[in-house]
């Protein structure tokens, strides 16, 4: 199973293929790997022991960040994510980032953000659109219409505990006016706004 793969100067972590969403634009609908990684489809969720054993094979001085992303929602594998982040903080000098849909609190039915304090340096949350109805159409979350507000609340919680919080949309997928509305949402929460390139998880 491909647990780790390189993208630019970062090492990405693929812990799970579980996700509460079925996004219309999801990269895994059109490919099975990223950046020559080998297939990111897993036979099962990765254990902490497997992840720790595998990361020891890499020269971590080569990488700026360890990024939890892959072909699933990282917070679906929260215990392993936190355990590996703790291991990295104790043994290496890399920043830790999570790329997430922001629905972790719905997945676990509790506020998981305080558990990330001191272990995660950056959280990048997919905002996608400023409109709740359009968000539901694009993301198709199993949690339904409450997902948009839950994602925004997650961002507000992250702001309290995580040094860097970013919300993103994908270039060319929304209008300039909608991008301005997204920036206003981010400004209100007090987080950064980033328009990321199409077909990119960086």
C-alpha atoms as a PDB file:
ATOM      1  CA  UNK A   1       0.000   0.000   0.000  1.00  0.00           C
ATOM      2  CA  UNK A   2       1.206   3.512  -0.797  1.00  0.00           C
ATOM      3  CA  UNK A   3       1.242   5.332   2.535  1.00  0.00           C
ATOM      4  CA  UNK A   4       3.696   8.120   1.685  1.00  0.00           C
ATOM      5  CA  UNK A   5       4.363   9.958  -1.559  1.00  0.00           C
ATOM      6  CA  UNK A   6       6.313  13.050  -2.561  1.00  0.00           C
ATOM      7  CA  UNK A   7       4.836  16.247  -3.978  1.00  0.00           C
ATOM      8  CA  UNK A   8       7.377  18.989  -4.577  1.00  0.00           C
ATOM      9  CA  UNK A   9       9.255  19.496  -1.303  1.00  0.00           C
ATOM     10  CA  UNK A  10       6.652  17.837   0.899  1.00  0.00           C
ATOM     11  CA  UNK A  11       5.905  14.287   1.999  1.00  0.00           C
ATOM     12  CA  UNK A  12       2.220  13.382   1.765  1.00  0.00           C
ATOM     13  CA  UNK A  13       0.450  10.814   3.939  1.00  0.00           C
ATOM     14  CA  UNK A  14      -2.295   8.515   2.637  1.00  0.00           C
ATOM     15  CA  UNK A  15      -3.940   6.916   5.696  1.00  0.00           C
ATOM     16  CA  UNK A  16      -7.460   6.111   4.549  1.00  0.00           C
ATOM     17  CA  UNK A  17      -9.764   6.070   1.542  1.00  0.00           C
ATOM     18  CA  UNK A  18     -12.828   6.844   3.672  1.00  0.00           C
ATOM     19  CA  UNK A  19     -14.562  10.160   3.030  1.00  0.00           C
ATOM     20  CA  UNK A  20     -18.039  11.478   3.889  1.00  0.00           C
ATOM     21  CA  UNK A  21     -18.184  13.360   0.597  1.00  0.00           C
ATOM     22  CA  UNK A  22     -18.532  12.455  -3.070  1.00  0.00           C
ATOM     23  CA  UNK A  23     -17.241  15.679  -4.597  1.00  0.00           C
ATOM     24  CA  UNK A  24     -18.001  16.231  -8.253  1.00  0.00           C
ATOM     25  CA  UNK A  25     -14.439  17.433  -8.821  1.00  0.00           C
ATOM     26  CA  UNK A  26     -12.575  14.797  -6.756  1.00  0.00           C
ATOM     27  CA  UNK A  27      -9.196  13.851  -8.237  1.00  0.00           C
ATOM     28  CA  UNK A  28      -9.635  10.193  -7.410  1.00  0.00           C
ATOM     29  CA  UNK A  29     -12.492   9.969  -9.912  1.00  0.00           C
ATOM     30  CA  UNK A  30     -10.027  10.369 -12.773  1.00  0.00           C
ATOM     31  CA  UNK A  31      -6.734   8.931 -11.496  1.00  0.00           C
ATOM     32  CA  UNK A  32      -5.376   6.434  -9.017  1.00  0.00           C
ATOM     33  CA  UNK A  33      -2.114   8.159  -8.108  1.00  0.00           C
ATOM     34  CA  UNK A  34      -0.461  11.536  -7.641  1.00  0.00           C
ATOM     35  CA  UNK A  35       2.938  12.598  -8.927  1.00  0.00           C
ATOM     36  CA  UNK A  36       3.942   9.032  -9.834  1.00  0.00           C
ATOM     37  CA  UNK A  37       3.131   7.802  -6.351  1.00  0.00           C
ATOM     38  CA  UNK A  38       1.774   4.392  -7.190  1.00  0.00           C
ATOM     39  CA  UNK A  39      -1.882   3.626  -6.522  1.00  0.00           C
ATOM     40  CA  UNK A  40      -3.332   5.505  -3.558  1.00  0.00           C
ATOM     41  CA  UNK A  41      -6.218   3.065  -3.253  1.00  0.00           C
ATOM     42  CA  UNK A  42      -5.674   1.184   0.002  1.00  0.00           C
ATOM     43  CA  UNK A  43      -6.625  -2.377   0.894  1.00  0.00           C
ATOM     44  CA  UNK A  44      -7.609  -1.071   4.355  1.00  0.00           C
ATOM     45  CA  UNK A  45      -6.861   1.814   6.709  1.00  0.00           C
ATOM     46  CA  UNK A  46      -3.222   2.200   7.711  1.00  0.00           C
ATOM     47  CA  UNK A  47      -2.199   1.468  11.312  1.00  0.00           C
ATOM     48  CA  UNK A  48       0.039   3.766  13.325  1.00  0.00           C
ATOM     49  CA  UNK A  49       2.660   1.038  13.546  1.00  0.00           C
ATOM     50  CA  UNK A  50       2.724   0.704   9.752  1.00  0.00           C
ATOM     51  CA  UNK A  51       2.972   4.456   9.253  1.00  0.00           C
ATOM     52  CA  UNK A  52       5.823   4.860  11.753  1.00  0.00           C
ATOM     53  CA  UNK A  53       7.749   1.931  10.266  1.00  0.00           C
ATOM     54  CA  UNK A  54       7.334   3.330   6.760  1.00  0.00           C
ATOM     55  CA  UNK A  55       8.257   6.934   7.554  1.00  0.00           C
ATOM     56  CA  UNK A  56      11.570   5.761   8.977  1.00  0.00           C
ATOM     57  CA  UNK A  57      12.581   4.811   5.424  1.00  0.00           C
ATOM     58  CA  UNK A  58      12.511   8.466   4.332  1.00  0.00           C
ATOM     59  CA  UNK A  59      15.123  11.188   4.788  1.00  0.00           C
ATOM     60  CA  UNK A  60      12.864  13.716   6.456  1.00  0.00           C
ATOM     61  CA  UNK A  61      15.434  16.504   6.093  1.00  0.00           C
ATOM     62  CA  UNK A  62      14.419  16.624   2.405  1.00  0.00           C
ATOM     63  CA  UNK A  63      10.895  17.796   3.178  1.00  0.00           C
ATOM     64  CA  UNK A  64       9.411  21.070   4.341  1.00  0.00           C
ATOM     65  CA  UNK A  65       6.077  19.656   5.480  1.00  0.00           C
ATOM     66  CA  UNK A  66       4.400  16.378   6.297  1.00  0.00           C
ATOM     67  CA  UNK A  67       0.958  16.703   4.695  1.00  0.00           C
ATOM     68  CA  UNK A  68      -2.010  14.505   5.593  1.00  0.00           C
ATOM     69  CA  UNK A  69      -4.037  14.225   2.403  1.00  0.00           C
ATOM     70  CA  UNK A  70      -4.176  11.185   0.099  1.00  0.00           C
ATOM     71  CA  UNK A  71      -7.275   9.518  -1.363  1.00  0.00           C
ATOM     72  CA  UNK A  72      -9.533  10.033   1.631  1.00  0.00           C
ATOM     73  CA  UNK A  73     -10.445  12.515   4.345  1.00  0.00           C
ATOM     74  CA  UNK A  74      -7.496  12.461   6.806  1.00  0.00           C
ATOM     75  CA  UNK A  75      -9.630  13.079   9.885  1.00  0.00           C
ATOM     76  CA  UNK A  76     -11.426   9.781   9.194  1.00  0.00           C
ATOM     77  CA  UNK A  77      -8.201   8.229  10.546  1.00  0.00           C
ATOM     78  CA  UNK A  78      -7.865  10.707  13.401  1.00  0.00           C
ATOM     79  CA  UNK A  79      -6.092   8.517  15.964  1.00  0.00           C
ATOM     80  CA  UNK A  80      -3.422   7.436  13.492  1.00  0.00           C
ATOM     81  CA  UNK A  81      -3.080  10.996  12.188  1.00  0.00           C
ATOM     82  CA  UNK A  82      -2.479  12.386  15.670  1.00  0.00           C
ATOM     83  CA  UNK A  83      -0.151   9.550  16.595  1.00  0.00           C
ATOM     84  CA  UNK A  84       1.997  10.030  13.499  1.00  0.00           C
ATOM     85  CA  UNK A  85       1.997  13.822  13.923  1.00  0.00           C
ATOM     86  CA  UNK A  86       3.214  13.324  17.496  1.00  0.00           C
ATOM     87  CA  UNK A  87       5.943  10.950  16.295  1.00  0.00           C
ATOM     88  CA  UNK A  88       7.100  13.477  13.689  1.00  0.00           C
ATOM     89  CA  UNK A  89       7.190  16.284  16.252  1.00  0.00           C
ATOM     90  CA  UNK A  90       9.254  14.119  18.618  1.00  0.00           C
ATOM     91  CA  UNK A  91      11.744  12.782  16.048  1.00  0.00           C
ATOM     92  CA  UNK A  92      11.966  15.281  13.162  1.00  0.00           C
ATOM     93  CA  UNK A  93      11.816  18.997  12.456  1.00  0.00           C
ATOM     94  CA  UNK A  94       9.050  19.080   9.865  1.00  0.00           C
ATOM     95  CA  UNK A  95       5.931  21.210   9.929  1.00  0.00           C
ATOM     96  CA  UNK A  96       2.681  19.230   9.852  1.00  0.00           C
ATOM     97  CA  UNK A  97      -0.284  20.148   7.658  1.00  0.00           C
ATOM     98  CA  UNK A  98      -3.741  18.640   7.208  1.00  0.00           C
ATOM     99  CA  UNK A  99      -5.659  19.094   3.951  1.00  0.00           C
ATOM    100  CA  UNK A 100      -9.267  18.512   4.953  1.00  0.00           C
ATOM    101  CA  UNK A 101     -12.883  18.969   3.937  1.00  0.00           C
ATOM    102  CA  UNK A 102     -13.496  20.431   7.393  1.00  0.00           C
ATOM    103  CA  UNK A 103     -16.130  17.886   8.400  1.00  0.00           C
ATOM    104  CA  UNK A 104     -14.072  16.131  11.073  1.00  0.00           C
ATOM    105  CA  UNK A 105     -16.339  17.272  13.895  1.00  0.00           C
ATOM    106  CA  UNK A 106     -19.355  15.781  12.140  1.00  0.00           C
ATOM    107  CA  UNK A 107     -17.460  12.556  11.454  1.00  0.00           C
ATOM    108  CA  UNK A 108     -16.522  12.105  15.119  1.00  0.00           C
ATOM    109  CA  UNK A 109     -19.559  13.814  16.673  1.00  0.00           C
ATOM    110  CA  UNK A 110     -17.339  15.982  18.858  1.00  0.00           C
ATOM    111  CA  UNK A 111     -14.936  18.886  18.573  1.00  0.00           C
ATOM    112  CA  UNK A 112     -11.678  17.219  17.527  1.00  0.00           C
ATOM    113  CA  UNK A 113      -9.700  20.426  16.965  1.00  0.00           C
ATOM    114  CA  UNK A 114      -8.256  20.841  20.500  1.00  0.00           C
ATOM    115  CA  UNK A 115      -6.631  17.419  20.086  1.00  0.00           C
ATOM    116  CA  UNK A 116      -4.502  18.845  17.258  1.00  0.00           C
ATOM    117  CA  UNK A 117      -2.965  21.601  19.360  1.00  0.00           C
ATOM    118  CA  UNK A 118       0.823  21.387  19.347  1.00  0.00           C
ATOM    119  CA  UNK A 119       0.812  18.614  16.743  1.00  0.00           C
ATOM    120  CA  UNK A 120      -0.517  20.391  13.644  1.00  0.00           C
ATOM    121  CA  UNK A 121       0.949  23.622  12.291  1.00  0.00           C
ATOM    122  CA  UNK A 122      -1.367  24.246   9.337  1.00  0.00           C
ATOM    123  CA  UNK A 123      -4.904  23.226   8.452  1.00  0.00           C
ATOM    124  CA  UNK A 124      -6.065  23.768   4.869  1.00  0.00           C
ATOM    125  CA  UNK A 125      -9.849  23.520   4.541  1.00  0.00           C
ATOM    126  CA  UNK A 126     -11.728  23.157   1.253  1.00  0.00           C
ATOM    127  CA  UNK A 127     -14.247  26.000   1.192  1.00  0.00           C
ATOM    128  CA  UNK A 128     -15.085  25.428  -2.493  1.00  0.00           C
ATOM    129  CA  UNK A 129     -17.910  28.002  -2.724  1.00  0.00           C
ATOM    130  CA  UNK A 130     -19.456  30.778  -0.608  1.00  0.00           C
ATOM    131  CA  UNK A 131     -22.956  29.383  -1.045  1.00  0.00           C
ATOM    132  CA  UNK A 132     -24.352  26.601   1.162  1.00  0.00           C
ATOM    133  CA  UNK A 133     -26.713  25.255  -1.500  1.00  0.00           C
ATOM    134  CA  UNK A 134     -23.999  25.173  -4.143  1.00  0.00           C
ATOM    135  CA  UNK A 135     -21.580  23.614  -1.635  1.00  0.00           C
ATOM    136  CA  UNK A 136     -23.996  20.747  -1.066  1.00  0.00           C
ATOM    137  CA  UNK A 137     -24.419  20.255  -4.825  1.00  0.00           C
ATOM    138  CA  UNK A 138     -20.643  20.135  -5.380  1.00  0.00           C
ATOM    139  CA  UNK A 139     -19.529  18.217  -2.294  1.00  0.00           C
ATOM    140  CA  UNK A 140     -22.484  15.836  -1.820  1.00  0.00           C
ATOM    141  CA  UNK A 141     -21.707  15.245   1.844  1.00  0.00           C
ATOM    142  CA  UNK A 142     -23.479  12.368   3.552  1.00  0.00           C
ATOM    143  CA  UNK A 143     -24.217  14.814   6.380  1.00  0.00           C
ATOM    144  CA  UNK A 144     -26.434  16.863   4.110  1.00  0.00           C
ATOM    145  CA  UNK A 145     -27.266  20.542   4.381  1.00  0.00           C
ATOM    146  CA  UNK A 146     -25.632  21.063   7.789  1.00  0.00           C
ATOM    147  CA  UNK A 147     -22.210  20.369   6.255  1.00  0.00           C
ATOM    148  CA  UNK A 148     -21.489  23.911   5.052  1.00  0.00           C
ATOM    149  CA  UNK A 149     -22.035  25.553   8.433  1.00  0.00           C
ATOM    150  CA  UNK A 150     -20.161  22.710  10.157  1.00  0.00           C
ATOM    151  CA  UNK A 151     -17.184  23.318   7.868  1.00  0.00           C
ATOM    152  CA  UNK A 152     -17.180  27.037   8.712  1.00  0.00           C
ATOM    153  CA  UNK A 153     -17.447  26.256  12.438  1.00  0.00           C
ATOM    154  CA  UNK A 154     -14.532  23.847  12.095  1.00  0.00           C
ATOM    155  CA  UNK A 155     -12.458  26.665  10.596  1.00  0.00           C
ATOM    156  CA  UNK A 156     -13.376  28.943  13.508  1.00  0.00           C
ATOM    157  CA  UNK A 157     -12.281  26.262  15.975  1.00  0.00           C
ATOM    158  CA  UNK A 158      -9.019  25.706  14.110  1.00  0.00           C
ATOM    159  CA  UNK A 159      -8.294  29.407  14.400  1.00  0.00           C
ATOM    160  CA  UNK A 160      -8.213  28.970  18.209  1.00  0.00           C
ATOM    161  CA  UNK A 161      -5.718  26.105  18.290  1.00  0.00           C
ATOM    162  CA  UNK A 162      -3.747  25.909  15.009  1.00  0.00           C
ATOM    163  CA  UNK A 163      -1.103  28.516  14.064  1.00  0.00           C
ATOM    164  CA  UNK A 164      -2.000  28.677  10.357  1.00  0.00           C
ATOM    165  CA  UNK A 165      -5.498  28.143   8.963  1.00  0.00           C
ATOM    166  CA  UNK A 166      -6.226  28.409   5.246  1.00  0.00           C
ATOM    167  CA  UNK A 167      -9.467  28.035   3.338  1.00  0.00           C
ATOM    168  CA  UNK A 168      -9.274  27.237  -0.360  1.00  0.00           C
ATOM    169  CA  UNK A 169     -11.209  27.272  -3.600  1.00  0.00           C
ATOM    170  CA  UNK A 170     -10.140  25.921  -6.975  1.00  0.00           C
ATOM    171  CA  UNK A 171      -9.242  28.335  -9.772  1.00  0.00           C
ATOM    172  CA  UNK A 172     -11.766  28.641 -12.633  1.00  0.00           C
ATOM    173  CA  UNK A 173     -14.489  26.714 -10.781  1.00  0.00           C
ATOM    174  CA  UNK A 174     -16.286  29.764  -9.355  1.00  0.00           C
ATOM    175  CA  UNK A 175     -16.799  33.336 -10.532  1.00  0.00           C
ATOM    176  CA  UNK A 176     -14.685  36.324  -9.558  1.00  0.00           C
ATOM    177  CA  UNK A 177     -17.622  37.595  -7.510  1.00  0.00           C
ATOM    178  CA  UNK A 178     -17.818  34.290  -5.654  1.00  0.00           C
ATOM    179  CA  UNK A 179     -14.101  34.413  -4.979  1.00  0.00           C
ATOM    180  CA  UNK A 180     -14.589  37.820  -3.382  1.00  0.00           C
ATOM    181  CA  UNK A 181     -17.401  36.394  -1.258  1.00  0.00           C
ATOM    182  CA  UNK A 182     -15.117  33.534  -0.192  1.00  0.00           C
ATOM    183  CA  UNK A 183     -12.451  36.041   0.803  1.00  0.00           C
ATOM    184  CA  UNK A 184     -15.034  37.916   2.869  1.00  0.00           C
ATOM    185  CA  UNK A 185     -15.937  34.673   4.672  1.00  0.00           C
ATOM    186  CA  UNK A 186     -12.269  34.004   5.416  1.00  0.00           C
ATOM    187  CA  UNK A 187     -11.698  37.577   6.570  1.00  0.00           C
ATOM    188  CA  UNK A 188     -14.671  37.306   8.919  1.00  0.00           C
ATOM    189  CA  UNK A 189     -13.330  34.104  10.452  1.00  0.00           C
ATOM    190  CA  UNK A 190      -9.796  35.489  10.520  1.00  0.00           C
ATOM    191  CA  UNK A 191      -8.109  32.901   8.310  1.00  0.00           C
ATOM    192  CA  UNK A 192      -6.193  33.051   5.036  1.00  0.00           C
ATOM    193  CA  UNK A 193      -7.828  32.538   1.651  1.00  0.00           C
ATOM    194  CA  UNK A 194      -6.062  30.701  -1.166  1.00  0.00           C
ATOM    195  CA  UNK A 195      -7.164  29.997  -4.732  1.00  0.00           C
ATOM    196  CA  UNK A 196      -5.387  26.784  -5.638  1.00  0.00           C
ATOM    197  CA  UNK A 197      -4.725  25.544  -9.191  1.00  0.00           C
ATOM    198  CA  UNK A 198      -7.032  23.040 -10.824  1.00  0.00           C
ATOM    199  CA  UNK A 199      -5.894  19.411 -10.387  1.00  0.00           C
ATOM    200  CA  UNK A 200      -3.709  20.265  -7.407  1.00  0.00           C
ATOM    201  CA  UNK A 201      -3.655  19.039  -3.809  1.00  0.00           C
ATOM    202  CA  UNK A 202      -0.556  21.002  -2.774  1.00  0.00           C
END
